[in-house]
Amino acid sequence: MKFLVEIDVMPLKALLDPQGKAVTNTLHNMGHSTAENVRIGKHITMDLEAEDMMIAEEKTEEICKKVLSNPIMESFQYKINKA
């Protein structure tokens, strides 16, 4: 069975996000002073073959933990839908 997986990887809230800070400063310089707490992350999509939803979730967890995120600095969340 084929699944479509959408993954968001974001820096942990407790850590400084230099990209987000730079974008916030740029927005303020452009006159968008109400923009605050910009955080920059990654959005990843992939097709995944698995026998069922439970196995798709297990595979996605492993991929996120071992390849797509750094657990010391980032958190992740995902959605899985049948393709």
PDB file of N, CA and C in Angstrom:
ATOM      1  N   MET A   1       0.845  -1.157   0.000  1.00  0.00           N
ATOM      2  CA  MET A   1       0.000   0.000   0.000  1.00  0.00           C
ATOM      3  C   MET A   1       0.900   1.232   0.000  1.00  0.00           C
ATOM      4  N   LYS A   2       0.533   2.244  -0.770  1.00  0.00           N
ATOM      5  CA  LYS A   2       1.343   3.452  -0.867  1.00  0.00           C
ATOM      6  C   LYS A   2       0.720   4.554  -0.015  1.00  0.00           C
ATOM      7  N   PHE A   3       1.608   5.288   0.693  1.00  0.00           N
ATOM      8  CA  PHE A   3       1.192   6.385   1.550  1.00  0.00           C
ATOM      9  C   PHE A   3       1.921   7.665   1.146  1.00  0.00           C
ATOM     10  N   LEU A   4       1.265   8.790   1.350  1.00  0.00           N
ATOM     11  CA  LEU A   4       1.895  10.094   1.175  1.00  0.00           C
ATOM     12  C   LEU A   4       2.180  10.630   2.573  1.00  0.00           C
ATOM     13  N   VAL A   5       3.445  10.922   2.838  1.00  0.00           N
ATOM     14  CA  VAL A   5       3.867  11.405   4.148  1.00  0.00           C
ATOM     15  C   VAL A   5       4.302  12.862   4.009  1.00  0.00           C
ATOM     16  N   GLU A   6       3.797  13.712   4.905  1.00  0.00           N
ATOM     17  CA  GLU A   6       4.206  15.115   4.982  1.00  0.00           C
ATOM     18  C   GLU A   6       4.827  15.337   6.349  1.00  0.00           C
ATOM     19  N   ILE A   7       6.062  15.837   6.352  1.00  0.00           N
ATOM     20  CA  ILE A   7       6.837  15.981   7.580  1.00  0.00           C
ATOM     21  C   ILE A   7       7.261  17.438   7.734  1.00  0.00           C
ATOM     22  N   ASP A   8       7.107  17.962   8.943  1.00  0.00           N
ATOM     23  CA  ASP A   8       7.610  19.289   9.280  1.00  0.00           C
ATOM     24  C   ASP A   8       8.681  19.130  10.346  1.00  0.00           C
ATOM     25  N   VAL A   9       9.858  19.664  10.070  1.00  0.00           N
ATOM     26  CA  VAL A   9      10.965  19.648  11.012  1.00  0.00           C
ATOM     27  C   VAL A   9      11.241  21.100  11.393  1.00  0.00           C
ATOM     28  N   MET A  10      11.222  21.367  12.703  1.00  0.00           N
ATOM     29  CA  MET A  10      11.393  22.742  13.186  1.00  0.00           C
ATOM     30  C   MET A  10      12.457  22.778  14.275  1.00  0.00           C
ATOM     31  N   PRO A  11      13.156  23.920  14.395  1.00  0.00           N
ATOM     32  CA  PRO A  11      14.096  24.063  15.502  1.00  0.00           C
ATOM     33  C   PRO A  11      13.330  24.051  16.831  1.00  0.00           C
ATOM     34  N   LEU A  12      13.936  23.493  17.855  1.00  0.00           N
ATOM     35  CA  LEU A  12      13.307  23.498  19.172  1.00  0.00           C
ATOM     36  C   LEU A  12      13.070  24.936  19.622  1.00  0.00           C
ATOM     37  N   LYS A  13      11.956  25.171  20.278  1.00  0.00           N
ATOM     38  CA  LYS A  13      11.598  26.529  20.693  1.00  0.00           C
ATOM     39  C   LYS A  13      12.619  27.136  21.643  1.00  0.00           C
ATOM     40  N   ALA A  14      13.301  26.307  22.429  1.00  0.00           N
ATOM     41  CA  ALA A  14      14.272  26.811  23.398  1.00  0.00           C
ATOM     42  C   ALA A  14      15.569  27.288  22.739  1.00  0.00           C
ATOM     43  N   LEU A  15      15.776  26.949  21.464  1.00  0.00           N
ATOM     44  CA  LEU A  15      17.019  27.295  20.787  1.00  0.00           C
ATOM     45  C   LEU A  15      16.851  28.531  19.902  1.00  0.00           C
ATOM     46  N   LEU A  16      17.929  29.262  19.756  1.00  0.00           N
ATOM     47  CA  LEU A  16      17.957  30.410  18.865  1.00  0.00           C
ATOM     48  C   LEU A  16      17.812  29.927  17.424  1.00  0.00           C
ATOM     49  N   ASP A  17      17.008  30.647  16.641  1.00  0.00           N
ATOM     50  CA  ASP A  17      16.832  30.336  15.223  1.00  0.00           C
ATOM     51  C   ASP A  17      17.375  31.532  14.428  1.00  0.00           C
ATOM     52  N   PRO A  18      18.668  31.488  14.033  1.00  0.00           N
ATOM     53  CA  PRO A  18      19.269  32.638  13.350  1.00  0.00           C
ATOM     54  C   PRO A  18      18.549  33.025  12.060  1.00  0.00           C
ATOM     55  N   GLN A  19      18.091  32.031  11.293  1.00  0.00           N
ATOM     56  CA  GLN A  19      17.350  32.342  10.064  1.00  0.00           C
ATOM     57  C   GLN A  19      16.047  33.064  10.393  1.00  0.00           C
ATOM     58  N   GLY A  20      15.339  32.552  11.372  1.00  0.00           N
ATOM     59  CA  GLY A  20      14.085  33.178  11.779  1.00  0.00           C
ATOM     60  C   GLY A  20      14.298  34.600  12.270  1.00  0.00           C
ATOM     61  N   LYS A  21      15.382  34.817  13.030  1.00  0.00           N
ATOM     62  CA  LYS A  21      15.709  36.149  13.534  1.00  0.00           C
ATOM     63  C   LYS A  21      16.013  37.096  12.380  1.00  0.00           C
ATOM     64  N   ALA A  22      16.773  36.625  11.389  1.00  0.00           N
ATOM     65  CA  ALA A  22      17.097  37.460  10.229  1.00  0.00           C
ATOM     66  C   ALA A  22      15.837  37.837   9.460  1.00  0.00           C
ATOM     67  N   VAL A  23      14.928  36.890   9.281  1.00  0.00           N
ATOM     68  CA  VAL A  23      13.677  37.181   8.573  1.00  0.00           C
ATOM     69  C   VAL A  23      12.827  38.160   9.382  1.00  0.00           C
ATOM     70  N   THR A  24      12.764  37.968  10.692  1.00  0.00           N
ATOM     71  CA  THR A  24      12.018  38.900  11.545  1.00  0.00           C
ATOM     72  C   THR A  24      12.569  40.315  11.396  1.00  0.00           C
ATOM     73  N   ASN A  25      13.895  40.456  11.436  1.00  0.00           N
ATOM     74  CA  ASN A  25      14.507  41.784  11.281  1.00  0.00           C
ATOM     75  C   ASN A  25      14.187  42.390   9.922  1.00  0.00           C
ATOM     76  N   THR A  26      14.250  41.583   8.872  1.00  0.00           N
ATOM     77  CA  THR A  26      13.934  42.072   7.529  1.00  0.00           C
ATOM     78  C   THR A  26      12.484  42.529   7.447  1.00  0.00           C
ATOM     79  N   LEU A  27      11.584  41.748   8.012  1.00  0.00           N
ATOM     80  CA  LEU A  27      10.171  42.123   8.002  1.00  0.00           C
ATOM     81  C   LEU A  27       9.949  43.441   8.744  1.00  0.00           C
ATOM     82  N   HIS A  28      10.622  43.609   9.883  1.00  0.00           N
ATOM     83  CA  HIS A  28      10.495  44.862  10.633  1.00  0.00           C
ATOM     84  C   HIS A  28      11.028  46.025   9.812  1.00  0.00           C
ATOM     85  N   ASN A  29      12.166  45.824   9.111  1.00  0.00           N
ATOM     86  CA  ASN A  29      12.741  46.873   8.263  1.00  0.00           C
ATOM     87  C   ASN A  29      11.824  47.232   7.101  1.00  0.00           C
ATOM     88  N   MET A  30      10.988  46.287   6.678  1.00  0.00           N
ATOM     89  CA  MET A  30      10.041  46.533   5.578  1.00  0.00           C
ATOM     90  C   MET A  30       8.743  47.169   6.078  1.00  0.00           C
ATOM     91  N   GLY A  31       8.650  47.372   7.387  1.00  0.00           N
ATOM     92  CA  GLY A  31       7.454  48.000   7.934  1.00  0.00           C
ATOM     93  C   GLY A  31       6.442  47.029   8.509  1.00  0.00           C
ATOM     94  N   HIS A  32       6.782  45.768   8.558  1.00  0.00           N
ATOM     95  CA  HIS A  32       5.870  44.751   9.114  1.00  0.00           C
ATOM     96  C   HIS A  32       6.240  44.510  10.584  1.00  0.00           C
ATOM     97  N   SER A  33       6.040  45.523  11.399  1.00  0.00           N
ATOM     98  CA  SER A  33       6.490  45.478  12.793  1.00  0.00           C
ATOM     99  C   SER A  33       5.681  44.516  13.659  1.00  0.00           C
ATOM    100  N   THR A  34       4.539  44.062  13.159  1.00  0.00           N
ATOM    101  CA  THR A  34       3.728  43.135  13.951  1.00  0.00           C
ATOM    102  C   THR A  34       4.170  41.679  13.777  1.00  0.00           C
ATOM    103  N   ALA A  35       5.081  41.410  12.857  1.00  0.00           N
ATOM    104  CA  ALA A  35       5.591  40.041  12.661  1.00  0.00           C
ATOM    105  C   ALA A  35       6.588  39.724  13.768  1.00  0.00           C
ATOM    106  N   GLU A  36       6.351  38.640  14.483  1.00  0.00           N
ATOM    107  CA  GLU A  36       7.219  38.254  15.595  1.00  0.00           C
ATOM    108  C   GLU A  36       7.424  36.747  15.602  1.00  0.00           C
ATOM    109  N   ASN A  37       8.485  36.322  16.269  1.00  0.00           N
ATOM    110  CA  ASN A  37       8.763  34.902  16.512  1.00  0.00           C
ATOM    111  C   ASN A  37       8.755  34.049  15.236  1.00  0.00           C
ATOM    112  N   VAL A  38       9.380  34.539  14.186  1.00  0.00           N
ATOM    113  CA  VAL A  38       9.491  33.775  12.945  1.00  0.00           C
ATOM    114  C   VAL A  38      10.444  32.612  13.180  1.00  0.00           C
ATOM    115  N   ARG A  39      10.026  31.410  12.811  1.00  0.00           N
ATOM    116  CA  ARG A  39      10.849  30.209  12.923  1.00  0.00           C
ATOM    117  C   ARG A  39      10.942  29.590  11.524  1.00  0.00           C
ATOM    118  N   ILE A  40      12.125  29.213  11.123  1.00  0.00           N
ATOM    119  CA  ILE A  40      12.354  28.625   9.804  1.00  0.00           C
ATOM    120  C   ILE A  40      12.629  27.133   9.986  1.00  0.00           C
ATOM    121  N   GLY A  41      11.915  26.304   9.237  1.00  0.00           N
ATOM    122  CA  GLY A  41      12.098  24.862   9.308  1.00  0.00           C
ATOM    123  C   GLY A  41      12.093  24.238   7.927  1.00  0.00           C
ATOM    124  N   LYS A  42      11.831  22.946   7.897  1.00  0.00           N
ATOM    125  CA  LYS A  42      11.800  22.190   6.640  1.00  0.00           C
ATOM    126  C   LYS A  42      10.453  21.496   6.516  1.00  0.00           C
ATOM    127  N   HIS A  43       9.913  21.487   5.309  1.00  0.00           N
ATOM    128  CA  HIS A  43       8.712  20.715   5.004  1.00  0.00           C
ATOM    129  C   HIS A  43       9.122  19.672   3.969  1.00  0.00           C
ATOM    130  N   ILE A  44       8.888  18.416   4.288  1.00  0.00           N
ATOM    131  CA  ILE A  44       9.329  17.304   3.442  1.00  0.00           C
ATOM    132  C   ILE A  44       8.119  16.448   3.095  1.00  0.00           C
ATOM    133  N   THR A  45       8.008  16.067   1.837  1.00  0.00           N
ATOM    134  CA  THR A  45       6.974  15.119   1.426  1.00  0.00           C
ATOM    135  C   THR A  45       7.662  13.905   0.813  1.00  0.00           C
ATOM    136  N   MET A  46       7.049  12.753   1.003  1.00  0.00           N
ATOM    137  CA  MET A  46       7.596  11.539   0.377  1.00  0.00           C
ATOM    138  C   MET A  46       6.491  10.503   0.212  1.00  0.00           C
ATOM    139  N   ASP A  47       6.638   9.677  -0.809  1.00  0.00           N
ATOM    140  CA  ASP A  47       5.782   8.514  -0.980  1.00  0.00           C
ATOM    141  C   ASP A  47       6.465   7.369  -0.248  1.00  0.00           C
ATOM    142  N   LEU A  48       5.667   6.596   0.462  1.00  0.00           N
ATOM    143  CA  LEU A  48       6.211   5.509   1.261  1.00  0.00           C
ATOM    144  C   LEU A  48       5.370   4.259   1.048  1.00  0.00           C
ATOM    145  N   GLU A  49       6.021   3.165   0.751  1.00  0.00           N
ATOM    146  CA  GLU A  49       5.340   1.879   0.586  1.00  0.00           C
ATOM    147  C   GLU A  49       5.377   1.153   1.931  1.00  0.00           C
ATOM    148  N   ALA A  50       4.210   0.711   2.404  1.00  0.00           N
ATOM    149  CA  ALA A  50       4.115  -0.035   3.662  1.00  0.00           C
ATOM    150  C   ALA A  50       2.887  -0.926   3.620  1.00  0.00           C
ATOM    151  N   GLU A  51       2.913  -1.969   4.438  1.00  0.00           N
ATOM    152  CA  GLU A  51       1.813  -2.931   4.448  1.00  0.00           C
ATOM    153  C   GLU A  51       0.524  -2.337   5.006  1.00  0.00           C
ATOM    154  N   ASP A  52       0.668  -1.443   6.008  1.00  0.00           N
ATOM    155  CA  ASP A  52      -0.508  -0.803   6.598  1.00  0.00           C
ATOM    156  C   ASP A  52      -0.083   0.504   7.266  1.00  0.00           C
ATOM    157  N   MET A  53      -1.047   1.234   7.821  1.00  0.00           N
ATOM    158  CA  MET A  53      -0.785   2.542   8.420  1.00  0.00           C
ATOM    159  C   MET A  53       0.182   2.442   9.603  1.00  0.00           C
ATOM    160  N   MET A  54       0.044   1.416  10.423  1.00  0.00           N
ATOM    161  CA  MET A  54       0.911   1.272  11.592  1.00  0.00           C
ATOM    162  C   MET A  54       2.378   1.115  11.174  1.00  0.00           C
ATOM    163  N   ILE A  55       2.625   0.327  10.172  1.00  0.00           N
ATOM    164  CA  ILE A  55       4.001   0.137   9.683  1.00  0.00           C
ATOM    165  C   ILE A  55       4.502   1.416   9.024  1.00  0.00           C
ATOM    166  N   ALA A  56       3.626   2.128   8.320  1.00  0.00           N
ATOM    167  CA  ALA A  56       4.002   3.412   7.718  1.00  0.00           C
ATOM    168  C   ALA A  56       4.428   4.403   8.805  1.00  0.00           C
ATOM    169  N   GLU A  57       3.710   4.415   9.919  1.00  0.00           N
ATOM    170  CA  GLU A  57       4.067   5.296  11.035  1.00  0.00           C
ATOM    171  C   GLU A  57       5.413   4.909  11.638  1.00  0.00           C
ATOM    172  N   GLU A  58       5.641   3.611  11.811  1.00  0.00           N
ATOM    173  CA  GLU A  58       6.924   3.145  12.360  1.00  0.00           C
ATOM    174  C   GLU A  58       8.082   3.541  11.447  1.00  0.00           C
ATOM    175  N   LYS A  59       7.909   3.335  10.147  1.00  0.00           N
ATOM    176  CA  LYS A  59       8.953   3.696   9.184  1.00  0.00           C
ATOM    177  C   LYS A  59       9.201   5.199   9.188  1.00  0.00           C
ATOM    178  N   THR A  60       8.123   5.976   9.233  1.00  0.00           N
ATOM    179  CA  THR A  60       8.255   7.438   9.232  1.00  0.00           C
ATOM    180  C   THR A  60       8.983   7.917  10.478  1.00  0.00           C
ATOM    181  N   GLU A  61       8.647   7.373  11.643  1.00  0.00           N
ATOM    182  CA  GLU A  61       9.331   7.734  12.894  1.00  0.00           C
ATOM    183  C   GLU A  61      10.829   7.478  12.777  1.00  0.00           C
ATOM    184  N   GLU A  62      11.185   6.293  12.271  1.00  0.00           N
ATOM    185  CA  GLU A  62      12.600   5.951  12.139  1.00  0.00           C
ATOM    186  C   GLU A  62      13.311   6.897  11.171  1.00  0.00           C
ATOM    187  N   ILE A  63      12.680   7.181  10.042  1.00  0.00           N
ATOM    188  CA  ILE A  63      13.273   8.078   9.044  1.00  0.00           C
ATOM    189  C   ILE A  63      13.480   9.467   9.640  1.00  0.00           C
ATOM    190  N   CYS A  64      12.475   9.953  10.348  1.00  0.00           N
ATOM    191  CA  CYS A  64      12.579  11.285  10.956  1.00  0.00           C
ATOM    192  C   CYS A  64      13.681  11.338  12.004  1.00  0.00           C
ATOM    193  N   LYS A  65      13.738  10.337  12.858  1.00  0.00           N
ATOM    194  CA  LYS A  65      14.714  10.329  13.950  1.00  0.00           C
ATOM    195  C   LYS A  65      16.144  10.119  13.471  1.00  0.00           C
ATOM    196  N   LYS A  66      16.315   9.276  12.443  1.00  0.00           N
ATOM    197  CA  LYS A  66      17.669   8.907  12.027  1.00  0.00           C
ATOM    198  C   LYS A  66      18.215   9.704  10.854  1.00  0.00           C
ATOM    199  N   VAL A  67      17.317  10.319  10.045  1.00  0.00           N
ATOM    200  CA  VAL A  67      17.786  10.969   8.827  1.00  0.00           C
ATOM    201  C   VAL A  67      17.370  12.440   8.731  1.00  0.00           C
ATOM    202  N   LEU A  68      16.112  12.746   8.974  1.00  0.00           N
ATOM    203  CA  LEU A  68      15.583  14.060   8.642  1.00  0.00           C
ATOM    204  C   LEU A  68      15.705  15.114   9.737  1.00  0.00           C
ATOM    205  N   SER A  69      15.910  14.689  10.976  1.00  0.00           N
ATOM    206  CA  SER A  69      15.997  15.678  12.051  1.00  0.00           C
ATOM    207  C   SER A  69      17.168  15.375  12.971  1.00  0.00           C
ATOM    208  N   ASN A  70      17.590  16.403  13.661  1.00  0.00           N
ATOM    209  CA  ASN A  70      18.607  16.272  14.699  1.00  0.00           C
ATOM    210  C   ASN A  70      17.870  16.450  16.022  1.00  0.00           C
ATOM    211  N   PRO A  71      17.663  15.366  16.779  1.00  0.00           N
ATOM    212  CA  PRO A  71      16.827  15.452  17.977  1.00  0.00           C
ATOM    213  C   PRO A  71      17.366  16.399  19.052  1.00  0.00           C
ATOM    214  N   ILE A  72      18.630  16.749  18.981  1.00  0.00           N
ATOM    215  CA  ILE A  72      19.202  17.688  19.942  1.00  0.00           C
ATOM    216  C   ILE A  72      18.728  19.111  19.649  1.00  0.00           C
ATOM    217  N   MET A  73      18.480  19.403  18.371  1.00  0.00           N
ATOM    218  CA  MET A  73      18.148  20.772  17.975  1.00  0.00           C
ATOM    219  C   MET A  73      16.771  20.928  17.329  1.00  0.00           C
ATOM    220  N   GLU A  74      16.147  19.825  16.922  1.00  0.00           N
ATOM    221  CA  GLU A  74      14.919  19.930  16.139  1.00  0.00           C
ATOM    222  C   GLU A  74      13.840  18.977  16.645  1.00  0.00           C
ATOM    223  N   SER A  75      12.609  19.364  16.397  1.00  0.00           N
ATOM    224  CA  SER A  75      11.467  18.488  16.626  1.00  0.00           C
ATOM    225  C   SER A  75      10.799  18.232  15.272  1.00  0.00           C
ATOM    226  N   PHE A  76       9.959  17.224  15.215  1.00  0.00           N
ATOM    227  CA  PHE A  76       9.265  16.936  13.970  1.00  0.00           C
ATOM    228  C   PHE A  76       7.840  16.492  14.267  1.00  0.00           C
ATOM    229  N   GLN A  77       7.001  16.675  13.277  1.00  0.00           N
ATOM    230  CA  GLN A  77       5.650  16.126  13.286  1.00  0.00           C
ATOM    231  C   GLN A  77       5.314  15.748  11.856  1.00  0.00           C
ATOM    232  N   TYR A  78       4.370  14.833  11.712  1.00  0.00           N
ATOM    233  CA  TYR A  78       4.053  14.354  10.367  1.00  0.00           C
ATOM    234  C   TYR A  78       2.593  13.972  10.249  1.00  0.00           C
ATOM    235  N   LYS A  79       2.155  13.918   8.998  1.00  0.00           N
ATOM    236  CA  LYS A  79       0.825  13.420   8.640  1.00  0.00           C
ATOM    237  C   LYS A  79       1.033  12.343   7.596  1.00  0.00           C
ATOM    238  N   ILE A  80       0.254  11.273   7.703  1.00  0.00           N
ATOM    239  CA  ILE A  80       0.327  10.188   6.731  1.00  0.00           C
ATOM    240  C   ILE A  80      -1.068   9.982   6.167  1.00  0.00           C
ATOM    241  N   ASN A  81      -1.158   9.966   4.835  1.00  0.00           N
ATOM    242  CA  ASN A  81      -2.424   9.696   4.155  1.00  0.00           C
ATOM    243  C   ASN A  81      -2.221   8.624   3.106  1.00  0.00           C
ATOM    244  N   LYS A  82      -3.247   7.846   2.843  1.00  0.00           N
ATOM    245  CA  LYS A  82      -3.156   6.888   1.738  1.00  0.00           C
ATOM    246  C   LYS A  82      -3.011   7.655   0.440  1.00  0.00           C
ATOM    247  N   ALA A  83      -2.099   7.193  -0.398  1.00  0.00           N
ATOM    248  CA  ALA A  83      -1.844   7.870  -1.679  1.00  0.00           C
ATOM    249  C   ALA A  83      -2.914   7.490  -2.689  1.00  0.00           C
TER     250      ALA A  83
END
